[in-house]
Amino acid sequence: MYAEERQQAIARQVGDRGRMSVAEIAELFDVTTETVRRDLTALEALGVLRRVHGGAVPTSALSTLEPGLVERDAANTEAKAQIARAALDQLPPPGASVLIDAGSTTARFADALPASHRLVVFTHSVSIAARLAGNAGIELHLLPGRVRTNTHAAVGATTVAAVGALRVDVAFLGANGVTAGHGLSTPDSEEAATKRSFVLAAERVVGLVDSSKVGVETAVRFAALDEVDALVTDREIRAVDRKAIAATGVEVVTA
């Protein structure tokens, strides 16, 4: 096979699978990893794919665009509902404190919180605060900051400073992308800074992410996987992604 033919085939495989490692490509085409890296460099220069840590993804997978709250809430609704229910097993004992990140999956998790399980809840999400305001079992604290139109979440230095004064038992976080190499990521730097403060404030970190976000890398990482204790996702997660994430020590829970 000529180099151009191999590169075209690699591009098709990456497009079909959504993500491939250098080792997988080398084995599939019976070439060295050095040859694969040269091919990936050439394909990235053509804009066909994007190189990521240890492999490649389609150009469309590495996103700097952030969908709005309404758009996200309408996507993968059943998977998110299942994740929310499964995440209840990650709750700390009654009387403990949690941080709940903004997001469509975390909002469903907030809806699922039983009034019988008494918790102190901190959130920067106006939408989640509204959902929890009537829950008699929740002592609710809404964090300060500038509220973004796109996510209805408070961000900025004021928010980060408020979270920095906290120490909670568990932080429940959403993400726009999760990979073994890049960790948990989001397109917006202010959102990332707030999520990062959640990670640092919590004894335990739990990601709530549907499988469409797994294998995706967005612009700003806010947590490496060795800082995450558990990832709750749905059964559509690819086996290769689950294996790679679990290999980092993260407990992968499928709803």
C-alpha atoms as a PDB file:
ATOM      1  CA  MET A   1       0.000   0.000   0.000  1.00  0.00           C
ATOM      2  CA  TYR A   2       1.338   3.420  -0.966  1.00  0.00           C
ATOM      3  CA  ALA A   3       1.568   6.134   1.679  1.00  0.00           C
ATOM      4  CA  GLU A   4      -1.308   8.160   0.198  1.00  0.00           C
ATOM      5  CA  GLU A   5      -3.560   5.101   0.092  1.00  0.00           C
ATOM      6  CA  ARG A   6      -2.696   4.245   3.699  1.00  0.00           C
ATOM      7  CA  GLN A   7      -3.341   7.787   4.846  1.00  0.00           C
ATOM      8  CA  GLN A   8      -6.743   7.828   3.150  1.00  0.00           C
ATOM      9  CA  ALA A   9      -7.574   4.521   4.836  1.00  0.00           C
ATOM     10  CA  ILE A  10      -6.413   5.845   8.227  1.00  0.00           C
ATOM     11  CA  ALA A  11      -8.623   8.909   7.814  1.00  0.00           C
ATOM     12  CA  ARG A  12     -11.639   6.685   7.047  1.00  0.00           C
ATOM     13  CA  GLN A  13     -10.962   4.439  10.048  1.00  0.00           C
ATOM     14  CA  VAL A  14     -10.589   7.372  12.453  1.00  0.00           C
ATOM     15  CA  GLY A  15     -13.772   8.916  11.059  1.00  0.00           C
ATOM     16  CA  ASP A  16     -15.712   5.665  11.476  1.00  0.00           C
ATOM     17  CA  ARG A  17     -14.423   4.821  14.951  1.00  0.00           C
ATOM     18  CA  GLY A  18     -14.286   8.340  16.392  1.00  0.00           C
ATOM     19  CA  ARG A  19     -10.830   7.817  17.886  1.00  0.00           C
ATOM     20  CA  MET A  20      -7.835   5.552  17.286  1.00  0.00           C
ATOM     21  CA  SER A  21      -4.532   5.183  19.079  1.00  0.00           C
ATOM     22  CA  VAL A  22      -1.182   5.124  17.307  1.00  0.00           C
ATOM     23  CA  ALA A  23      -0.728   1.504  18.384  1.00  0.00           C
ATOM     24  CA  GLU A  24      -4.121   0.489  16.947  1.00  0.00           C
ATOM     25  CA  ILE A  25      -3.340   2.116  13.607  1.00  0.00           C
ATOM     26  CA  ALA A  26       0.125   0.553  13.468  1.00  0.00           C
ATOM     27  CA  GLU A  27      -1.315  -2.908  14.103  1.00  0.00           C
ATOM     28  CA  LEU A  28      -4.160  -2.473  11.620  1.00  0.00           C
ATOM     29  CA  PHE A  29      -1.888  -1.375   8.766  1.00  0.00           C
ATOM     30  CA  ASP A  30       1.165  -3.419   9.788  1.00  0.00           C
ATOM     31  CA  VAL A  31       3.506  -0.427   9.936  1.00  0.00           C
ATOM     32  CA  THR A  32       5.714   1.074  12.635  1.00  0.00           C
ATOM     33  CA  THR A  33       4.439   3.638  15.120  1.00  0.00           C
ATOM     34  CA  GLU A  34       6.917   6.140  13.641  1.00  0.00           C
ATOM     35  CA  THR A  35       5.252   5.721  10.242  1.00  0.00           C
ATOM     36  CA  VAL A  36       1.834   6.226  11.817  1.00  0.00           C
ATOM     37  CA  ARG A  37       2.954   9.435  13.505  1.00  0.00           C
ATOM     38  CA  ARG A  38       4.233  10.782  10.167  1.00  0.00           C
ATOM     39  CA  ASP A  39       0.924   9.857   8.536  1.00  0.00           C
ATOM     40  CA  LEU A  40      -1.054  11.575  11.288  1.00  0.00           C
ATOM     41  CA  THR A  41       1.069  14.703  10.985  1.00  0.00           C
ATOM     42  CA  ALA A  42       0.385  14.787   7.233  1.00  0.00           C
ATOM     43  CA  LEU A  43      -3.348  14.238   7.720  1.00  0.00           C
ATOM     44  CA  GLU A  44      -3.564  16.905  10.417  1.00  0.00           C
ATOM     45  CA  ALA A  45      -1.831  19.381   8.078  1.00  0.00           C
ATOM     46  CA  LEU A  46      -4.582  18.663   5.536  1.00  0.00           C
ATOM     47  CA  GLY A  47      -7.256  19.277   8.167  1.00  0.00           C
ATOM     48  CA  VAL A  48      -8.583  15.728   7.867  1.00  0.00           C
ATOM     49  CA  LEU A  49      -8.109  14.812  11.526  1.00  0.00           C
ATOM     50  CA  ARG A  50      -6.639  16.117  14.768  1.00  0.00           C
ATOM     51  CA  ARG A  51      -3.770  14.542  16.642  1.00  0.00           C
ATOM     52  CA  VAL A  52      -4.413  14.041  20.349  1.00  0.00           C
ATOM     53  CA  HIS A  53      -2.412  12.390  23.104  1.00  0.00           C
ATOM     54  CA  GLY A  54      -1.516   8.914  21.859  1.00  0.00           C
ATOM     55  CA  GLY A  55      -3.620   8.953  18.705  1.00  0.00           C
ATOM     56  CA  ALA A  56      -6.079  10.874  16.556  1.00  0.00           C
ATOM     57  CA  VAL A  57      -9.725  11.961  16.423  1.00  0.00           C
ATOM     58  CA  PRO A  58     -11.858  13.390  13.596  1.00  0.00           C
ATOM     59  CA  THR A  59     -11.593  17.134  13.184  1.00  0.00           C
ATOM     60  CA  SER A  60     -15.165  17.517  14.423  1.00  0.00           C
ATOM     61  CA  ALA A  61     -14.375  15.793  17.743  1.00  0.00           C
ATOM     62  CA  LEU A  62     -11.985  18.452  19.036  1.00  0.00           C
ATOM     63  CA  SER A  63     -14.452  21.225  19.651  1.00  0.00           C
ATOM     64  CA  THR A  64     -14.012  24.806  20.764  1.00  0.00           C
ATOM     65  CA  LEU A  65     -17.758  25.445  20.463  1.00  0.00           C
ATOM     66  CA  GLU A  66     -20.053  25.236  23.454  1.00  0.00           C
ATOM     67  CA  PRO A  67     -23.681  24.165  22.998  1.00  0.00           C
ATOM     68  CA  GLY A  68     -26.318  26.115  24.909  1.00  0.00           C
ATOM     69  CA  LEU A  69     -28.204  24.764  27.907  1.00  0.00           C
ATOM     70  CA  VAL A  70     -31.449  24.153  25.985  1.00  0.00           C
ATOM     71  CA  GLU A  71     -29.608  22.312  23.193  1.00  0.00           C
ATOM     72  CA  ARG A  72     -27.718  20.138  25.692  1.00  0.00           C
ATOM     73  CA  ASP A  73     -30.839  19.410  27.714  1.00  0.00           C
ATOM     74  CA  ALA A  74     -32.576  17.996  24.626  1.00  0.00           C
ATOM     75  CA  ALA A  75     -29.718  15.621  23.735  1.00  0.00           C
ATOM     76  CA  ASN A  76     -29.387  12.018  25.007  1.00  0.00           C
ATOM     77  CA  THR A  77     -32.197  12.532  27.492  1.00  0.00           C
ATOM     78  CA  GLU A  78     -32.759   8.881  28.434  1.00  0.00           C
ATOM     79  CA  ALA A  79     -29.045   8.231  28.959  1.00  0.00           C
ATOM     80  CA  LYS A  80     -28.774  11.305  31.178  1.00  0.00           C
ATOM     81  CA  ALA A  81     -31.772  10.207  33.244  1.00  0.00           C
ATOM     82  CA  GLN A  82     -30.197   6.782  33.747  1.00  0.00           C
ATOM     83  CA  ILE A  83     -26.871   8.349  34.726  1.00  0.00           C
ATOM     84  CA  ALA A  84     -28.639  10.594  37.255  1.00  0.00           C
ATOM     85  CA  ARG A  85     -30.308   7.620  38.918  1.00  0.00           C
ATOM     86  CA  ALA A  86     -27.088   5.586  38.990  1.00  0.00           C
ATOM     87  CA  ALA A  87     -25.193   8.539  40.475  1.00  0.00           C
ATOM     88  CA  LEU A  88     -27.361   8.427  43.593  1.00  0.00           C
ATOM     89  CA  ASP A  89     -25.196   5.509  44.720  1.00  0.00           C
ATOM     90  CA  GLN A  90     -22.268   7.972  44.835  1.00  0.00           C
ATOM     91  CA  LEU A  91     -23.937  10.187  47.453  1.00  0.00           C
ATOM     92  CA  PRO A  92     -22.129  10.656  50.777  1.00  0.00           C
ATOM     93  CA  PRO A  93     -23.963   9.815  54.031  1.00  0.00           C
ATOM     94  CA  PRO A  94     -26.889  12.001  55.168  1.00  0.00           C
ATOM     95  CA  GLY A  95     -25.740  15.311  56.604  1.00  0.00           C
ATOM     96  CA  ALA A  96     -22.698  15.528  54.296  1.00  0.00           C
ATOM     97  CA  SER A  97     -21.938  18.333  51.838  1.00  0.00           C
ATOM     98  CA  VAL A  98     -21.759  18.261  48.042  1.00  0.00           C
ATOM     99  CA  LEU A  99     -20.987  20.578  45.151  1.00  0.00           C
ATOM    100  CA  ILE A 100     -23.152  20.203  42.039  1.00  0.00           C
ATOM    101  CA  ASP A 101     -21.787  21.553  38.776  1.00  0.00           C
ATOM    102  CA  ALA A 102     -23.934  23.191  36.107  1.00  0.00           C
ATOM    103  CA  GLY A 103     -25.072  21.005  33.221  1.00  0.00           C
ATOM    104  CA  SER A 104     -27.956  19.025  31.791  1.00  0.00           C
ATOM    105  CA  THR A 105     -26.912  15.693  33.332  1.00  0.00           C
ATOM    106  CA  THR A 106     -26.146  17.196  36.728  1.00  0.00           C
ATOM    107  CA  ALA A 107     -29.544  18.957  36.603  1.00  0.00           C
ATOM    108  CA  ARG A 108     -31.260  15.588  36.232  1.00  0.00           C
ATOM    109  CA  PHE A 109     -29.158  14.333  39.128  1.00  0.00           C
ATOM    110  CA  ALA A 110     -30.395  17.264  41.228  1.00  0.00           C
ATOM    111  CA  ASP A 111     -33.975  16.372  40.304  1.00  0.00           C
ATOM    112  CA  ALA A 112     -33.378  12.811  41.489  1.00  0.00           C
ATOM    113  CA  LEU A 113     -32.089  13.757  44.961  1.00  0.00           C
ATOM    114  CA  PRO A 114     -34.506  12.323  47.549  1.00  0.00           C
ATOM    115  CA  ALA A 115     -35.849  14.592  50.272  1.00  0.00           C
ATOM    116  CA  SER A 116     -35.188  11.769  52.726  1.00  0.00           C
ATOM    117  CA  HIS A 117     -31.413  12.037  52.198  1.00  0.00           C
ATOM    118  CA  ARG A 118     -30.449  15.226  54.009  1.00  0.00           C
ATOM    119  CA  LEU A 119     -27.578  17.122  52.333  1.00  0.00           C
ATOM    120  CA  VAL A 120     -25.861  20.495  52.275  1.00  0.00           C
ATOM    121  CA  VAL A 121     -25.662  21.440  48.586  1.00  0.00           C
ATOM    122  CA  PHE A 122     -23.555  24.159  46.990  1.00  0.00           C
ATOM    123  CA  THR A 123     -24.075  25.005  43.319  1.00  0.00           C
ATOM    124  CA  HIS A 124     -23.222  27.802  40.899  1.00  0.00           C
ATOM    125  CA  SER A 125     -26.109  26.854  38.597  1.00  0.00           C
ATOM    126  CA  VAL A 126     -29.199  29.056  38.760  1.00  0.00           C
ATOM    127  CA  SER A 127     -31.209  26.308  37.054  1.00  0.00           C
ATOM    128  CA  ILE A 128     -30.140  23.631  39.539  1.00  0.00           C
ATOM    129  CA  ALA A 129     -30.743  25.956  42.488  1.00  0.00           C
ATOM    130  CA  ALA A 130     -34.291  26.519  41.233  1.00  0.00           C
ATOM    131  CA  ARG A 131     -34.844  22.754  41.011  1.00  0.00           C
ATOM    132  CA  LEU A 132     -33.575  22.168  44.554  1.00  0.00           C
ATOM    133  CA  ALA A 133     -35.218  25.142  46.256  1.00  0.00           C
ATOM    134  CA  GLY A 134     -38.328  23.109  47.078  1.00  0.00           C
ATOM    135  CA  ASN A 135     -36.490  20.004  48.314  1.00  0.00           C
ATOM    136  CA  ALA A 136     -37.037  19.891  52.089  1.00  0.00           C
ATOM    137  CA  GLY A 137     -34.021  17.624  52.589  1.00  0.00           C
ATOM    138  CA  ILE A 138     -31.566  20.095  51.037  1.00  0.00           C
ATOM    139  CA  GLU A 139     -29.794  22.973  52.747  1.00  0.00           C
ATOM    140  CA  LEU A 140     -29.129  24.963  49.576  1.00  0.00           C
ATOM    141  CA  HIS A 141     -26.339  27.487  48.962  1.00  0.00           C
ATOM    142  CA  LEU A 142     -26.168  29.372  45.633  1.00  0.00           C
ATOM    143  CA  LEU A 143     -22.627  30.488  44.845  1.00  0.00           C
ATOM    144  CA  PRO A 144     -22.002  34.098  43.725  1.00  0.00           C
ATOM    145  CA  GLY A 145     -20.548  35.295  40.420  1.00  0.00           C
ATOM    146  CA  ARG A 146     -21.384  36.490  36.918  1.00  0.00           C
ATOM    147  CA  VAL A 147     -24.097  34.305  35.398  1.00  0.00           C
ATOM    148  CA  ARG A 148     -23.373  33.168  31.845  1.00  0.00           C
ATOM    149  CA  THR A 149     -26.308  33.309  29.434  1.00  0.00           C
ATOM    150  CA  ASN A 150     -25.200  30.126  27.699  1.00  0.00           C
ATOM    151  CA  THR A 151     -25.106  27.894  30.786  1.00  0.00           C
ATOM    152  CA  HIS A 152     -27.053  29.813  33.473  1.00  0.00           C
ATOM    153  CA  ALA A 153     -24.034  29.261  35.726  1.00  0.00           C
ATOM    154  CA  ALA A 154     -22.055  31.711  37.846  1.00  0.00           C
ATOM    155  CA  VAL A 155     -18.381  31.994  36.873  1.00  0.00           C
ATOM    156  CA  GLY A 156     -15.423  34.272  37.426  1.00  0.00           C
ATOM    157  CA  ALA A 157     -13.078  35.266  40.217  1.00  0.00           C
ATOM    158  CA  THR A 158     -15.897  35.746  42.747  1.00  0.00           C
ATOM    159  CA  THR A 159     -17.183  32.218  42.156  1.00  0.00           C
ATOM    160  CA  VAL A 160     -13.731  30.648  42.330  1.00  0.00           C
ATOM    161  CA  ALA A 161     -12.951  32.527  45.550  1.00  0.00           C
ATOM    162  CA  ALA A 162     -16.208  31.383  47.168  1.00  0.00           C
ATOM    163  CA  VAL A 163     -15.532  27.750  46.253  1.00  0.00           C
ATOM    164  CA  GLY A 164     -11.961  28.104  47.486  1.00  0.00           C
ATOM    165  CA  ALA A 165     -13.262  28.694  51.003  1.00  0.00           C
ATOM    166  CA  LEU A 166     -15.183  25.386  50.977  1.00  0.00           C
ATOM    167  CA  ARG A 167     -14.321  21.804  51.776  1.00  0.00           C
ATOM    168  CA  VAL A 168     -17.049  19.391  50.706  1.00  0.00           C
ATOM    169  CA  ASP A 169     -17.403  15.629  50.742  1.00  0.00           C
ATOM    170  CA  VAL A 170     -18.236  15.091  47.056  1.00  0.00           C
ATOM    171  CA  ALA A 171     -18.225  17.226  43.905  1.00  0.00           C
ATOM    172  CA  PHE A 172     -20.491  16.083  41.064  1.00  0.00           C
ATOM    173  CA  LEU A 173     -19.136  17.451  37.789  1.00  0.00           C
ATOM    174  CA  GLY A 174     -20.231  17.566  34.177  1.00  0.00           C
ATOM    175  CA  ALA A 175     -17.845  17.846  31.224  1.00  0.00           C
ATOM    176  CA  ASN A 176     -17.936  18.491  27.497  1.00  0.00           C
ATOM    177  CA  GLY A 177     -15.215  15.931  26.886  1.00  0.00           C
ATOM    178  CA  VAL A 178     -13.446  13.054  28.626  1.00  0.00           C
ATOM    179  CA  THR A 179     -10.389  11.113  27.470  1.00  0.00           C
ATOM    180  CA  ALA A 180      -7.684   9.172  29.260  1.00  0.00           C
ATOM    181  CA  GLY A 181      -5.002  11.494  27.913  1.00  0.00           C
ATOM    182  CA  HIS A 182      -6.644  14.919  28.240  1.00  0.00           C
ATOM    183  CA  GLY A 183      -8.874  14.245  31.243  1.00  0.00           C
ATOM    184  CA  LEU A 184     -12.101  16.205  31.752  1.00  0.00           C
ATOM    185  CA  SER A 185     -12.435  19.304  29.596  1.00  0.00           C
ATOM    186  CA  THR A 186     -14.745  22.139  28.545  1.00  0.00           C
ATOM    187  CA  PRO A 187     -14.505  24.810  25.810  1.00  0.00           C
ATOM    188  CA  ASP A 188     -14.755  27.887  28.042  1.00  0.00           C
ATOM    189  CA  SER A 189     -11.844  29.020  30.220  1.00  0.00           C
ATOM    190  CA  GLU A 190     -14.041  30.618  32.917  1.00  0.00           C
ATOM    191  CA  GLU A 191     -16.198  27.494  33.163  1.00  0.00           C
ATOM    192  CA  ALA A 192     -13.008  25.453  33.381  1.00  0.00           C
ATOM    193  CA  ALA A 193     -11.656  27.619  36.213  1.00  0.00           C
ATOM    194  CA  THR A 194     -14.876  27.150  38.183  1.00  0.00           C
ATOM    195  CA  LYS A 195     -14.920  23.395  37.594  1.00  0.00           C
ATOM    196  CA  ARG A 196     -11.269  23.261  38.609  1.00  0.00           C
ATOM    197  CA  SER A 197     -12.109  24.968  41.898  1.00  0.00           C
ATOM    198  CA  PHE A 198     -14.767  22.295  42.499  1.00  0.00           C
ATOM    199  CA  VAL A 199     -12.158  19.568  42.027  1.00  0.00           C
ATOM    200  CA  LEU A 200      -9.811  21.195  44.524  1.00  0.00           C
ATOM    201  CA  ALA A 201     -12.575  21.751  47.103  1.00  0.00           C
ATOM    202  CA  ALA A 202     -13.817  18.145  47.229  1.00  0.00           C
ATOM    203  CA  GLU A 203     -12.658  15.056  49.083  1.00  0.00           C
ATOM    204  CA  ARG A 204     -14.152  12.939  46.300  1.00  0.00           C
ATOM    205  CA  VAL A 205     -14.810  13.847  42.646  1.00  0.00           C
ATOM    206  CA  VAL A 206     -17.501  12.156  40.546  1.00  0.00           C
ATOM    207  CA  GLY A 207     -18.009  12.905  36.853  1.00  0.00           C
ATOM    208  CA  LEU A 208     -21.484  12.587  35.336  1.00  0.00           C
ATOM    209  CA  VAL A 209     -20.978  12.335  31.578  1.00  0.00           C
ATOM    210  CA  ASP A 210     -23.000  10.629  28.860  1.00  0.00           C
ATOM    211  CA  SER A 211     -21.086   8.442  26.415  1.00  0.00           C
ATOM    212  CA  SER A 212     -21.267  10.975  23.563  1.00  0.00           C
ATOM    213  CA  LYS A 213     -18.719  13.084  25.507  1.00  0.00           C
ATOM    214  CA  VAL A 214     -16.295  10.192  26.076  1.00  0.00           C
ATOM    215  CA  GLY A 215     -13.464  10.160  23.548  1.00  0.00           C
ATOM    216  CA  VAL A 216     -13.928  13.890  22.931  1.00  0.00           C
ATOM    217  CA  GLU A 217     -11.336  16.535  23.827  1.00  0.00           C
ATOM    218  CA  THR A 218     -12.336  20.173  24.167  1.00  0.00           C
ATOM    219  CA  ALA A 219     -10.110  23.182  24.594  1.00  0.00           C
ATOM    220  CA  VAL A 220      -9.527  23.520  28.352  1.00  0.00           C
ATOM    221  CA  ARG A 221      -8.771  20.665  30.747  1.00  0.00           C
ATOM    222  CA  PHE A 222     -10.004  21.172  34.299  1.00  0.00           C
ATOM    223  CA  ALA A 223      -9.169  17.758  35.782  1.00  0.00           C
ATOM    224  CA  ALA A 224      -6.754  14.978  34.990  1.00  0.00           C
ATOM    225  CA  LEU A 225      -8.222  11.520  35.463  1.00  0.00           C
ATOM    226  CA  ASP A 226      -5.987  10.806  38.446  1.00  0.00           C
ATOM    227  CA  GLU A 227      -7.948  13.552  40.224  1.00  0.00           C
ATOM    228  CA  VAL A 228     -11.290  11.850  39.531  1.00  0.00           C
ATOM    229  CA  ASP A 229     -12.618   9.035  41.707  1.00  0.00           C
ATOM    230  CA  ALA A 230     -15.565   7.836  39.635  1.00  0.00           C
ATOM    231  CA  LEU A 231     -17.132   8.424  36.231  1.00  0.00           C
ATOM    232  CA  VAL A 232     -20.831   7.628  35.811  1.00  0.00           C
ATOM    233  CA  THR A 233     -21.826   7.194  32.173  1.00  0.00           C
ATOM    234  CA  ASP A 234     -24.207   5.102  30.061  1.00  0.00           C
ATOM    235  CA  ARG A 235     -23.845   1.664  28.502  1.00  0.00           C
ATOM    236  CA  GLU A 236     -23.068   3.063  25.054  1.00  0.00           C
ATOM    237  CA  ILE A 237     -19.507   3.909  26.103  1.00  0.00           C
ATOM    238  CA  ARG A 238     -17.039   2.204  23.766  1.00  0.00           C
ATOM    239  CA  ALA A 239     -15.120  -0.683  25.310  1.00  0.00           C
ATOM    240  CA  VAL A 240     -11.781   0.837  24.314  1.00  0.00           C
ATOM    241  CA  ASP A 241     -12.637   4.123  26.061  1.00  0.00           C
ATOM    242  CA  ARG A 242     -13.901   2.383  29.180  1.00  0.00           C
ATOM    243  CA  LYS A 243     -10.741   0.292  29.372  1.00  0.00           C
ATOM    244  CA  ALA A 244      -8.463   3.318  28.901  1.00  0.00           C
ATOM    245  CA  ILE A 245     -10.260   5.338  31.584  1.00  0.00           C
ATOM    246  CA  ALA A 246     -10.404   2.460  34.045  1.00  0.00           C
ATOM    247  CA  ALA A 247      -6.673   1.895  33.555  1.00  0.00           C
ATOM    248  CA  THR A 248      -6.043   5.314  35.120  1.00  0.00           C
ATOM    249  CA  GLY A 249      -7.669   4.130  38.356  1.00  0.00           C
ATOM    250  CA  VAL A 250     -11.066   5.758  37.828  1.00  0.00           C
ATOM    251  CA  GLU A 251     -14.121   3.694  38.797  1.00  0.00           C
ATOM    252  CA  VAL A 252     -16.283   3.575  35.647  1.00  0.00           C
ATOM    253  CA  VAL A 253     -19.980   3.090  36.440  1.00  0.00           C
ATOM    254  CA  THR A 254     -22.367   2.372  33.559  1.00  0.00           C
ATOM    255  CA  ALA A 255     -26.031   3.159  34.067  1.00  0.00           C
END
